[in-house]
Amino acid sequence: MAPPAPVPARPEMEELTVAQNAVIGIRLDSSVSTRTAHVEDRLLARVTRDVTVEGRTVIPSGARLEGYVSVLERGGKFKDRARLGVRFTSVLLDDGTRIPIQTETIFRDGEPPANDAASKIGASAVIGTILGAIVGGKKGAAIGSGVGAAGGTAAVANSDANEAVIAAGTPLTVRLTAPVSILVEKK
């Protein structure tokens, strides 16, 4: 009978800690927008550069981060800009190890709607004034101004509200709000 095969020695492991406030470079796998997202929608991102502790890689480039939409404020058409917040809760390493993390929220704000809305309404009022003056003089100008402003207001009300977006592949950095301990093979 053959002797039993030797059992390979398990590598010795040591715990290294990524400090609180450490920054991790990431890119989202898919776009997220206030137009289509919901609070708690799941997000995936990829780490874009190795995270090292004491010169050793503890989170390699390409590792996945899992997170969710944490803040979603849809903007208005006349005021209130859209706001989107995402945060990450775990790192998934290539060997399947899932490491819980805590991060700051990454925020993105949409464009303020007031400038766009005001310019649409104002331009419509000016056009209405000019057309009214051509058709009916001073009285027509006054009527045209009101009608033009009302038309501009209706155009703004029927347009899409502003939106906040983080596009897929956008380079981002996320900051840890608590230290993270990771087991790595001892050298």
N, C-alpha and C. Protein backbone atom coordinates (compact mmCIF):
# COMPACT_ATOMS: atom_id res chain seq x y z
N MET A 1 0.83 -1.17 0.00
CA MET A 1 0.00 0.00 0.00
C MET A 1 0.88 1.25 0.00
N ALA A 2 0.43 2.22 -0.76
CA ALA A 2 1.21 3.46 -0.86
C ALA A 2 0.97 4.34 0.36
N PRO A 3 2.02 5.02 0.77
CA PRO A 3 1.83 5.92 1.92
C PRO A 3 0.89 7.06 1.53
N PRO A 4 0.15 7.60 2.51
CA PRO A 4 -0.77 8.71 2.18
C PRO A 4 0.00 9.92 1.66
N ALA A 5 -0.66 10.61 0.74
CA ALA A 5 -0.04 11.82 0.17
C ALA A 5 0.11 12.87 1.26
N PRO A 6 1.22 13.56 1.22
CA PRO A 6 1.41 14.59 2.25
C PRO A 6 0.37 15.70 2.09
N VAL A 7 -0.09 16.17 3.21
CA VAL A 7 -1.06 17.27 3.21
C VAL A 7 -0.28 18.57 3.05
N PRO A 8 -0.65 19.37 2.04
CA PRO A 8 0.09 20.61 1.86
C PRO A 8 -0.08 21.50 3.09
N ALA A 9 1.01 22.12 3.46
CA ALA A 9 0.98 23.01 4.63
C ALA A 9 0.12 24.23 4.30
N ARG A 10 -0.68 24.58 5.25
CA ARG A 10 -1.48 25.79 5.08
C ARG A 10 -0.57 26.99 5.23
N PRO A 11 -0.76 27.97 4.37
CA PRO A 11 0.10 29.15 4.51
C PRO A 11 -0.23 29.88 5.81
N GLU A 12 0.80 30.44 6.38
CA GLU A 12 0.58 31.25 7.58
C GLU A 12 -0.02 32.58 7.15
N MET A 13 -0.98 33.02 7.91
CA MET A 13 -1.67 34.27 7.58
C MET A 13 -1.37 35.32 8.66
N GLU A 14 -1.43 36.55 8.25
CA GLU A 14 -1.31 37.65 9.20
C GLU A 14 -2.37 38.69 8.87
N GLU A 15 -2.75 39.45 9.86
CA GLU A 15 -3.79 40.45 9.69
C GLU A 15 -3.14 41.82 9.50
N LEU A 16 -3.50 42.47 8.40
CA LEU A 16 -3.06 43.84 8.15
C LEU A 16 -4.30 44.73 8.14
N THR A 17 -4.13 45.96 8.60
CA THR A 17 -5.27 46.84 8.73
C THR A 17 -5.14 48.06 7.81
N VAL A 18 -6.15 48.25 6.98
CA VAL A 18 -6.25 49.46 6.16
C VAL A 18 -6.85 50.52 7.07
N ALA A 19 -6.17 51.64 7.20
CA ALA A 19 -6.55 52.67 8.17
C ALA A 19 -7.85 53.38 7.80
N GLN A 20 -8.52 53.85 8.83
CA GLN A 20 -9.67 54.74 8.63
C GLN A 20 -9.17 55.93 7.83
N ASN A 21 -10.00 56.48 6.98
CA ASN A 21 -9.70 57.61 6.09
C ASN A 21 -8.83 57.23 4.89
N ALA A 22 -8.47 55.94 4.76
CA ALA A 22 -7.76 55.51 3.55
C ALA A 22 -8.67 55.71 2.35
N VAL A 23 -8.08 56.01 1.21
CA VAL A 23 -8.85 56.29 -0.01
C VAL A 23 -8.62 55.15 -1.00
N ILE A 24 -9.71 54.69 -1.59
CA ILE A 24 -9.66 53.60 -2.57
C ILE A 24 -10.15 54.15 -3.91
N GLY A 25 -9.35 53.98 -4.95
CA GLY A 25 -9.76 54.38 -6.30
C GLY A 25 -10.66 53.33 -6.91
N ILE A 26 -11.79 53.76 -7.48
CA ILE A 26 -12.76 52.81 -8.05
C ILE A 26 -13.35 53.36 -9.35
N ARG A 27 -14.04 52.48 -10.06
CA ARG A 27 -14.87 52.83 -11.22
C ARG A 27 -16.15 52.02 -11.13
N LEU A 28 -17.29 52.69 -11.32
CA LEU A 28 -18.58 51.98 -11.31
C LEU A 28 -18.69 51.07 -12.53
N ASP A 29 -19.32 49.91 -12.34
CA ASP A 29 -19.55 48.98 -13.45
C ASP A 29 -20.67 49.46 -14.37
N SER A 30 -21.65 50.17 -13.81
CA SER A 30 -22.77 50.67 -14.61
C SER A 30 -23.17 52.05 -14.11
N SER A 31 -23.84 52.79 -14.96
CA SER A 31 -24.27 54.14 -14.61
C SER A 31 -25.39 54.11 -13.58
N VAL A 32 -25.47 55.17 -12.81
CA VAL A 32 -26.58 55.32 -11.86
C VAL A 32 -27.08 56.76 -11.99
N SER A 33 -28.40 56.93 -11.98
CA SER A 33 -29.01 58.22 -12.23
C SER A 33 -30.24 58.42 -11.34
N THR A 34 -30.48 59.67 -10.95
CA THR A 34 -31.68 59.96 -10.17
C THR A 34 -32.95 59.70 -10.97
N ARG A 35 -32.84 59.67 -12.26
CA ARG A 35 -34.02 59.42 -13.10
C ARG A 35 -34.51 57.98 -12.99
N THR A 36 -33.57 57.02 -12.85
CA THR A 36 -33.96 55.62 -12.90
C THR A 36 -33.68 54.84 -11.61
N ALA A 37 -32.83 55.34 -10.75
CA ALA A 37 -32.43 54.60 -9.55
C ALA A 37 -33.47 54.70 -8.44
N HIS A 38 -33.33 53.81 -7.48
CA HIS A 38 -34.14 53.82 -6.26
C HIS A 38 -33.20 53.66 -5.08
N VAL A 39 -33.58 54.19 -3.92
CA VAL A 39 -32.79 54.01 -2.72
C VAL A 39 -32.64 52.52 -2.46
N GLU A 40 -31.44 52.11 -2.11
CA GLU A 40 -31.05 50.73 -1.83
C GLU A 40 -30.80 49.89 -3.08
N ASP A 41 -30.86 50.49 -4.29
CA ASP A 41 -30.44 49.76 -5.48
C ASP A 41 -28.98 49.34 -5.29
N ARG A 42 -28.65 48.12 -5.69
CA ARG A 42 -27.31 47.58 -5.54
C ARG A 42 -26.38 48.15 -6.61
N LEU A 43 -25.13 48.41 -6.23
CA LEU A 43 -24.10 48.91 -7.15
C LEU A 43 -22.87 48.03 -7.08
N LEU A 44 -22.17 47.93 -8.18
CA LEU A 44 -20.89 47.24 -8.21
C LEU A 44 -19.84 48.18 -8.80
N ALA A 45 -18.65 48.09 -8.26
CA ALA A 45 -17.53 48.89 -8.76
C ALA A 45 -16.29 48.01 -8.74
N ARG A 46 -15.26 48.46 -9.43
CA ARG A 46 -13.97 47.77 -9.45
C ARG A 46 -12.91 48.68 -8.86
N VAL A 47 -12.03 48.10 -8.07
CA VAL A 47 -10.89 48.84 -7.53
C VAL A 47 -9.93 49.09 -8.69
N THR A 48 -9.44 50.33 -8.82
CA THR A 48 -8.60 50.68 -9.97
C THR A 48 -7.10 50.68 -9.67
N ARG A 49 -6.73 50.65 -8.39
CA ARG A 49 -5.31 50.56 -8.06
C ARG A 49 -5.17 49.80 -6.74
N ASP A 50 -4.08 49.07 -6.62
CA ASP A 50 -3.84 48.27 -5.42
C ASP A 50 -3.91 49.13 -4.17
N VAL A 51 -4.51 48.56 -3.12
CA VAL A 51 -4.48 49.19 -1.80
C VAL A 51 -3.42 48.43 -1.02
N THR A 52 -2.43 49.15 -0.49
CA THR A 52 -1.31 48.51 0.19
C THR A 52 -1.23 48.94 1.65
N VAL A 53 -0.70 48.04 2.45
CA VAL A 53 -0.39 48.31 3.85
C VAL A 53 1.01 47.76 4.08
N GLU A 54 1.89 48.57 4.61
CA GLU A 54 3.27 48.17 4.87
C GLU A 54 3.93 47.59 3.61
N GLY A 55 3.62 48.18 2.47
CA GLY A 55 4.21 47.75 1.21
C GLY A 55 3.63 46.47 0.63
N ARG A 56 2.58 45.95 1.23
CA ARG A 56 1.96 44.71 0.77
C ARG A 56 0.56 44.99 0.26
N THR A 57 0.18 44.35 -0.84
CA THR A 57 -1.15 44.54 -1.42
C THR A 57 -2.17 43.78 -0.58
N VAL A 58 -3.16 44.51 -0.08
CA VAL A 58 -4.23 43.87 0.70
C VAL A 58 -5.55 43.84 -0.08
N ILE A 59 -5.74 44.82 -0.95
CA ILE A 59 -6.90 44.83 -1.85
C ILE A 59 -6.33 45.08 -3.25
N PRO A 60 -6.31 44.06 -4.10
CA PRO A 60 -5.70 44.22 -5.42
C PRO A 60 -6.61 44.99 -6.39
N SER A 61 -5.97 45.63 -7.35
CA SER A 61 -6.69 46.26 -8.44
C SER A 61 -7.56 45.19 -9.10
N GLY A 62 -8.78 45.53 -9.42
CA GLY A 62 -9.71 44.59 -10.05
C GLY A 62 -10.68 43.96 -9.06
N ALA A 63 -10.38 44.06 -7.75
CA ALA A 63 -11.33 43.53 -6.76
C ALA A 63 -12.64 44.29 -6.90
N ARG A 64 -13.73 43.65 -6.51
CA ARG A 64 -15.06 44.28 -6.63
C ARG A 64 -15.46 44.93 -5.32
N LEU A 65 -16.11 46.06 -5.43
CA LEU A 65 -16.76 46.69 -4.29
C LEU A 65 -18.26 46.58 -4.51
N GLU A 66 -18.98 46.25 -3.46
CA GLU A 66 -20.44 46.19 -3.52
C GLU A 66 -20.99 47.31 -2.67
N GLY A 67 -22.01 47.95 -3.17
CA GLY A 67 -22.62 49.05 -2.44
C GLY A 67 -24.06 49.25 -2.84
N TYR A 68 -24.56 50.44 -2.54
CA TYR A 68 -25.97 50.71 -2.82
C TYR A 68 -26.20 52.22 -2.95
N VAL A 69 -27.35 52.57 -3.52
CA VAL A 69 -27.77 53.96 -3.59
C VAL A 69 -28.30 54.33 -2.21
N SER A 70 -27.68 55.31 -1.58
CA SER A 70 -28.06 55.67 -0.21
C SER A 70 -28.87 56.96 -0.13
N VAL A 71 -28.72 57.82 -1.13
CA VAL A 71 -29.45 59.09 -1.16
C VAL A 71 -29.99 59.28 -2.56
N LEU A 72 -31.26 59.64 -2.65
CA LEU A 72 -31.86 59.89 -3.95
C LEU A 72 -32.88 61.01 -3.80
N GLU A 73 -32.54 62.17 -4.34
CA GLU A 73 -33.46 63.30 -4.31
C GLU A 73 -33.67 63.74 -5.75
N ARG A 74 -34.85 63.50 -6.23
CA ARG A 74 -35.16 63.90 -7.61
C ARG A 74 -35.35 65.41 -7.62
N GLY A 75 -34.74 66.06 -8.57
CA GLY A 75 -34.82 67.51 -8.65
C GLY A 75 -36.15 67.97 -9.21
N GLY A 76 -36.46 69.21 -8.93
CA GLY A 76 -37.66 69.81 -9.47
C GLY A 76 -37.38 70.49 -10.80
N LYS A 77 -38.43 70.96 -11.43
CA LYS A 77 -38.27 71.63 -12.72
C LYS A 77 -37.99 73.11 -12.55
N PHE A 78 -38.40 73.68 -11.42
CA PHE A 78 -38.21 75.10 -11.19
C PHE A 78 -37.18 75.37 -10.10
N LYS A 79 -37.08 74.48 -9.11
CA LYS A 79 -36.10 74.64 -8.04
C LYS A 79 -35.73 73.26 -7.52
N ASP A 80 -34.78 73.19 -6.64
CA ASP A 80 -34.29 71.93 -6.06
C ASP A 80 -33.53 71.11 -7.08
N ARG A 81 -32.24 71.07 -6.92
CA ARG A 81 -31.41 70.26 -7.82
C ARG A 81 -31.46 68.80 -7.36
N ALA A 82 -31.28 67.92 -8.31
CA ALA A 82 -31.26 66.49 -8.03
C ALA A 82 -29.99 66.16 -7.24
N ARG A 83 -30.08 65.14 -6.38
CA ARG A 83 -28.91 64.72 -5.60
C ARG A 83 -28.90 63.20 -5.51
N LEU A 84 -27.71 62.64 -5.70
CA LEU A 84 -27.53 61.21 -5.70
C LEU A 84 -26.38 60.88 -4.76
N GLY A 85 -26.56 59.87 -3.91
CA GLY A 85 -25.49 59.43 -3.02
C GLY A 85 -25.33 57.92 -3.09
N VAL A 86 -24.07 57.47 -3.15
CA VAL A 86 -23.79 56.04 -3.16
C VAL A 86 -22.73 55.74 -2.09
N ARG A 87 -22.84 54.57 -1.50
CA ARG A 87 -21.84 54.15 -0.52
C ARG A 87 -21.59 52.67 -0.68
N PHE A 88 -20.45 52.22 -0.17
CA PHE A 88 -20.02 50.84 -0.37
C PHE A 88 -19.92 50.12 0.97
N THR A 89 -20.27 48.82 0.93
CA THR A 89 -20.38 48.04 2.16
C THR A 89 -19.49 46.80 2.21
N SER A 90 -18.93 46.39 1.07
CA SER A 90 -18.04 45.22 1.11
C SER A 90 -17.11 45.19 -0.08
N VAL A 91 -15.99 44.50 0.15
CA VAL A 91 -15.01 44.22 -0.90
C VAL A 91 -15.07 42.72 -1.14
N LEU A 92 -15.10 42.33 -2.41
CA LEU A 92 -15.11 40.92 -2.78
C LEU A 92 -13.79 40.62 -3.49
N LEU A 93 -12.95 39.81 -2.84
CA LEU A 93 -11.65 39.45 -3.42
C LEU A 93 -11.80 38.31 -4.42
N ASP A 94 -10.77 38.10 -5.24
CA ASP A 94 -10.81 37.06 -6.28
C ASP A 94 -11.05 35.67 -5.72
N ASP A 95 -10.59 35.40 -4.49
CA ASP A 95 -10.77 34.06 -3.91
C ASP A 95 -12.15 33.87 -3.28
N GLY A 96 -13.03 34.87 -3.43
CA GLY A 96 -14.38 34.78 -2.90
C GLY A 96 -14.55 35.36 -1.51
N THR A 97 -13.46 35.80 -0.91
CA THR A 97 -13.54 36.39 0.42
C THR A 97 -14.30 37.71 0.36
N ARG A 98 -15.30 37.85 1.23
CA ARG A 98 -16.09 39.08 1.32
C ARG A 98 -15.67 39.80 2.61
N ILE A 99 -15.24 41.05 2.46
CA ILE A 99 -14.77 41.83 3.60
C ILE A 99 -15.70 43.03 3.79
N PRO A 100 -16.35 43.13 4.95
CA PRO A 100 -17.21 44.28 5.19
C PRO A 100 -16.39 45.57 5.32
N ILE A 101 -16.89 46.63 4.73
CA ILE A 101 -16.25 47.94 4.84
C ILE A 101 -17.31 48.99 5.11
N GLN A 102 -16.87 50.13 5.58
CA GLN A 102 -17.75 51.29 5.76
C GLN A 102 -17.10 52.46 5.04
N THR A 103 -17.88 53.13 4.18
CA THR A 103 -17.32 54.25 3.42
C THR A 103 -18.18 55.49 3.58
N GLU A 104 -17.56 56.62 3.26
CA GLU A 104 -18.33 57.86 3.15
C GLU A 104 -19.25 57.74 1.94
N THR A 105 -20.28 58.54 1.94
CA THR A 105 -21.17 58.61 0.78
C THR A 105 -20.51 59.47 -0.29
N ILE A 106 -20.55 58.99 -1.52
CA ILE A 106 -20.11 59.79 -2.66
C ILE A 106 -21.36 60.48 -3.20
N PHE A 107 -21.34 61.81 -3.26
CA PHE A 107 -22.50 62.57 -3.72
C PHE A 107 -22.26 63.16 -5.11
N ARG A 108 -23.32 63.23 -5.88
CA ARG A 108 -23.34 63.97 -7.15
C ARG A 108 -24.62 64.78 -7.17
N ASP A 109 -24.49 66.05 -7.56
CA ASP A 109 -25.64 66.95 -7.67
C ASP A 109 -25.92 67.23 -9.14
N GLY A 110 -27.20 67.35 -9.47
CA GLY A 110 -27.59 67.74 -10.81
C GLY A 110 -27.43 69.24 -11.00
N GLU A 111 -27.62 69.68 -12.20
CA GLU A 111 -27.55 71.11 -12.49
C GLU A 111 -28.73 71.83 -11.84
N PRO A 112 -28.52 73.05 -11.38
CA PRO A 112 -29.66 73.78 -10.81
C PRO A 112 -30.65 74.13 -11.91
N PRO A 113 -31.93 73.84 -11.71
CA PRO A 113 -32.92 74.08 -12.75
C PRO A 113 -33.29 75.55 -12.90
N ALA A 114 -33.05 76.37 -11.90
CA ALA A 114 -33.52 77.76 -11.92
C ALA A 114 -32.97 78.53 -13.10
N ASN A 115 -31.70 78.40 -13.41
CA ASN A 115 -31.11 79.15 -14.52
C ASN A 115 -31.74 78.75 -15.84
N ASP A 116 -31.86 77.45 -16.06
CA ASP A 116 -32.45 76.94 -17.30
C ASP A 116 -33.92 77.34 -17.40
N ALA A 117 -34.65 77.17 -16.30
CA ALA A 117 -36.08 77.51 -16.30
C ALA A 117 -36.27 79.00 -16.52
N ALA A 118 -35.49 79.82 -15.82
CA ALA A 118 -35.63 81.27 -15.97
C ALA A 118 -35.31 81.70 -17.40
N SER A 119 -34.29 81.11 -18.00
CA SER A 119 -33.95 81.51 -19.37
C SER A 119 -35.03 81.09 -20.36
N LYS A 120 -35.64 79.90 -20.16
CA LYS A 120 -36.72 79.48 -21.05
C LYS A 120 -37.93 80.39 -20.92
N ILE A 121 -38.29 80.70 -19.68
CA ILE A 121 -39.46 81.56 -19.45
C ILE A 121 -39.18 82.97 -19.96
N GLY A 122 -37.97 83.48 -19.65
CA GLY A 122 -37.61 84.83 -20.09
C GLY A 122 -37.56 84.95 -21.60
N ALA A 123 -36.97 83.97 -22.27
CA ALA A 123 -36.88 84.00 -23.73
C ALA A 123 -38.27 83.94 -24.34
N SER A 124 -39.15 83.13 -23.77
CA SER A 124 -40.51 83.04 -24.29
C SER A 124 -41.25 84.36 -24.11
N ALA A 125 -41.02 85.03 -22.99
CA ALA A 125 -41.66 86.34 -22.75
C ALA A 125 -41.17 87.37 -23.75
N VAL A 126 -39.88 87.38 -24.04
CA VAL A 126 -39.32 88.33 -25.00
C VAL A 126 -39.90 88.08 -26.39
N ILE A 127 -39.93 86.82 -26.79
CA ILE A 127 -40.49 86.48 -28.11
C ILE A 127 -41.96 86.89 -28.17
N GLY A 128 -42.69 86.60 -27.09
CA GLY A 128 -44.11 87.00 -27.05
C GLY A 128 -44.27 88.50 -27.13
N THR A 129 -43.41 89.26 -26.48
CA THR A 129 -43.48 90.72 -26.52
C THR A 129 -43.25 91.22 -27.94
N ILE A 130 -42.24 90.68 -28.59
CA ILE A 130 -41.92 91.12 -29.96
C ILE A 130 -43.08 90.80 -30.91
N LEU A 131 -43.58 89.58 -30.83
CA LEU A 131 -44.69 89.20 -31.71
C LEU A 131 -45.94 90.02 -31.40
N GLY A 132 -46.21 90.23 -30.12
CA GLY A 132 -47.37 91.02 -29.74
C GLY A 132 -47.26 92.45 -30.24
N ALA A 133 -46.05 93.03 -30.17
CA ALA A 133 -45.84 94.41 -30.64
C ALA A 133 -46.05 94.49 -32.14
N ILE A 134 -45.59 93.49 -32.86
CA ILE A 134 -45.76 93.49 -34.31
C ILE A 134 -47.24 93.42 -34.66
N VAL A 135 -47.98 92.57 -33.95
CA VAL A 135 -49.38 92.38 -34.26
C VAL A 135 -50.25 93.50 -33.70
N GLY A 136 -50.01 93.93 -32.46
CA GLY A 136 -50.95 94.86 -31.84
C GLY A 136 -50.36 96.04 -31.13
N GLY A 137 -49.15 96.47 -31.45
CA GLY A 137 -48.57 97.65 -30.82
C GLY A 137 -48.26 97.41 -29.34
N LYS A 138 -48.38 98.53 -28.53
CA LYS A 138 -48.03 98.44 -27.10
C LYS A 138 -48.93 97.46 -26.36
N LYS A 139 -50.24 97.55 -26.65
CA LYS A 139 -51.17 96.65 -25.97
C LYS A 139 -50.86 95.20 -26.35
N GLY A 140 -50.56 94.96 -27.60
CA GLY A 140 -50.21 93.62 -28.07
C GLY A 140 -48.91 93.13 -27.45
N ALA A 141 -47.98 94.07 -27.23
CA ALA A 141 -46.70 93.70 -26.61
C ALA A 141 -46.93 93.22 -25.19
N ALA A 142 -47.78 93.91 -24.43
CA ALA A 142 -48.06 93.53 -23.05
C ALA A 142 -48.74 92.16 -23.01
N ILE A 143 -49.72 91.97 -23.90
CA ILE A 143 -50.41 90.68 -23.95
C ILE A 143 -49.45 89.58 -24.39
N GLY A 144 -48.65 89.87 -25.41
CA GLY A 144 -47.68 88.89 -25.93
C GLY A 144 -46.66 88.48 -24.89
N SER A 145 -46.24 89.45 -24.06
CA SER A 145 -45.27 89.15 -23.00
C SER A 145 -45.84 88.14 -22.02
N GLY A 146 -47.08 88.37 -21.59
CA GLY A 146 -47.73 87.45 -20.64
C GLY A 146 -47.96 86.08 -21.25
N VAL A 147 -48.42 86.07 -22.49
CA VAL A 147 -48.66 84.79 -23.17
C VAL A 147 -47.34 84.05 -23.38
N GLY A 148 -46.29 84.78 -23.77
CA GLY A 148 -44.98 84.16 -23.98
C GLY A 148 -44.43 83.58 -22.68
N ALA A 149 -44.55 84.32 -21.57
CA ALA A 149 -44.07 83.83 -20.28
C ALA A 149 -44.85 82.59 -19.87
N ALA A 150 -46.16 82.61 -20.09
CA ALA A 150 -46.98 81.45 -19.76
C ALA A 150 -46.56 80.25 -20.60
N GLY A 151 -46.28 80.49 -21.86
CA GLY A 151 -45.83 79.41 -22.74
C GLY A 151 -44.49 78.86 -22.30
N GLY A 152 -43.59 79.75 -21.89
CA GLY A 152 -42.28 79.30 -21.40
C GLY A 152 -42.41 78.50 -20.12
N THR A 153 -43.30 78.93 -19.23
CA THR A 153 -43.55 78.20 -17.99
C THR A 153 -44.09 76.81 -18.31
N ALA A 154 -45.00 76.74 -19.25
CA ALA A 154 -45.56 75.44 -19.65
C ALA A 154 -44.48 74.55 -20.25
N ALA A 155 -43.59 75.14 -21.04
CA ALA A 155 -42.50 74.35 -21.63
C ALA A 155 -41.60 73.78 -20.55
N VAL A 156 -41.28 74.57 -19.52
CA VAL A 156 -40.45 74.09 -18.42
C VAL A 156 -41.19 73.00 -17.66
N ALA A 157 -42.47 73.20 -17.39
CA ALA A 157 -43.26 72.22 -16.63
C ALA A 157 -43.35 70.88 -17.37
N ASN A 158 -43.34 70.91 -18.69
CA ASN A 158 -43.46 69.68 -19.47
C ASN A 158 -42.11 69.05 -19.79
N SER A 159 -41.01 69.73 -19.45
CA SER A 159 -39.68 69.16 -19.72
C SER A 159 -39.28 68.25 -18.57
N ASP A 160 -38.20 67.50 -18.77
CA ASP A 160 -37.69 66.63 -17.72
C ASP A 160 -37.04 67.45 -16.63
N ALA A 161 -37.17 67.00 -15.39
CA ALA A 161 -36.49 67.65 -14.27
C ALA A 161 -34.99 67.39 -14.41
N ASN A 162 -34.19 68.21 -13.74
CA ASN A 162 -32.75 67.99 -13.80
C ASN A 162 -32.43 66.64 -13.17
N GLU A 163 -31.26 66.12 -13.46
CA GLU A 163 -30.92 64.79 -13.00
C GLU A 163 -29.45 64.77 -12.56
N ALA A 164 -29.15 63.94 -11.57
CA ALA A 164 -27.77 63.71 -11.14
C ALA A 164 -27.37 62.32 -11.63
N VAL A 165 -26.15 62.23 -12.18
CA VAL A 165 -25.71 60.98 -12.80
C VAL A 165 -24.25 60.70 -12.40
N ILE A 166 -23.95 59.43 -12.18
CA ILE A 166 -22.56 58.98 -12.12
C ILE A 166 -22.45 57.93 -13.23
N ALA A 167 -21.70 58.26 -14.26
CA ALA A 167 -21.60 57.39 -15.43
C ALA A 167 -20.70 56.19 -15.15
N ALA A 168 -21.00 55.09 -15.80
CA ALA A 168 -20.15 53.90 -15.71
C ALA A 168 -18.74 54.26 -16.13
N GLY A 169 -17.77 53.75 -15.40
CA GLY A 169 -16.37 53.98 -15.76
C GLY A 169 -15.79 55.28 -15.24
N THR A 170 -16.62 56.14 -14.63
CA THR A 170 -16.12 57.39 -14.09
C THR A 170 -15.13 57.10 -12.96
N PRO A 171 -13.92 57.67 -13.01
CA PRO A 171 -12.98 57.43 -11.91
C PRO A 171 -13.48 58.15 -10.65
N LEU A 172 -13.55 57.40 -9.55
CA LEU A 172 -14.01 57.93 -8.27
C LEU A 172 -13.04 57.51 -7.18
N THR A 173 -13.10 58.19 -6.05
CA THR A 173 -12.38 57.72 -4.87
C THR A 173 -13.39 57.64 -3.74
N VAL A 174 -13.21 56.61 -2.92
CA VAL A 174 -14.09 56.42 -1.78
C VAL A 174 -13.21 56.35 -0.53
N ARG A 175 -13.65 57.02 0.53
CA ARG A 175 -12.88 57.08 1.77
C ARG A 175 -13.50 56.16 2.82
N LEU A 176 -12.65 55.37 3.47
CA LEU A 176 -13.12 54.48 4.54
C LEU A 176 -13.44 55.29 5.79
N THR A 177 -14.55 54.97 6.44
CA THR A 177 -14.92 55.65 7.69
C THR A 177 -14.58 54.82 8.91
N ALA A 178 -14.06 53.61 8.68
CA ALA A 178 -13.62 52.74 9.77
C ALA A 178 -12.46 51.89 9.23
N PRO A 179 -11.54 51.49 10.10
CA PRO A 179 -10.44 50.64 9.63
C PRO A 179 -10.97 49.28 9.17
N VAL A 180 -10.21 48.63 8.28
CA VAL A 180 -10.59 47.33 7.74
C VAL A 180 -9.42 46.37 7.93
N SER A 181 -9.66 45.25 8.60
CA SER A 181 -8.63 44.24 8.80
C SER A 181 -8.76 43.16 7.75
N ILE A 182 -7.63 42.80 7.14
CA ILE A 182 -7.64 41.82 6.06
C ILE A 182 -6.52 40.81 6.32
N LEU A 183 -6.85 39.52 6.17
CA LEU A 183 -5.85 38.46 6.32
C LEU A 183 -5.12 38.29 5.01
N VAL A 184 -3.78 38.29 5.08
CA VAL A 184 -2.95 38.07 3.91
C VAL A 184 -1.91 37.02 4.27
N GLU A 185 -1.38 36.38 3.23
CA GLU A 185 -0.37 35.36 3.47
C GLU A 185 0.90 35.99 4.03
N LYS A 186 1.42 35.38 5.09
CA LYS A 186 2.61 35.90 5.75
C LYS A 186 3.82 35.68 4.86
N LYS A 187 4.70 36.63 4.83
CA LYS A 187 5.92 36.51 4.01
C LYS A 187 7.00 35.86 4.80
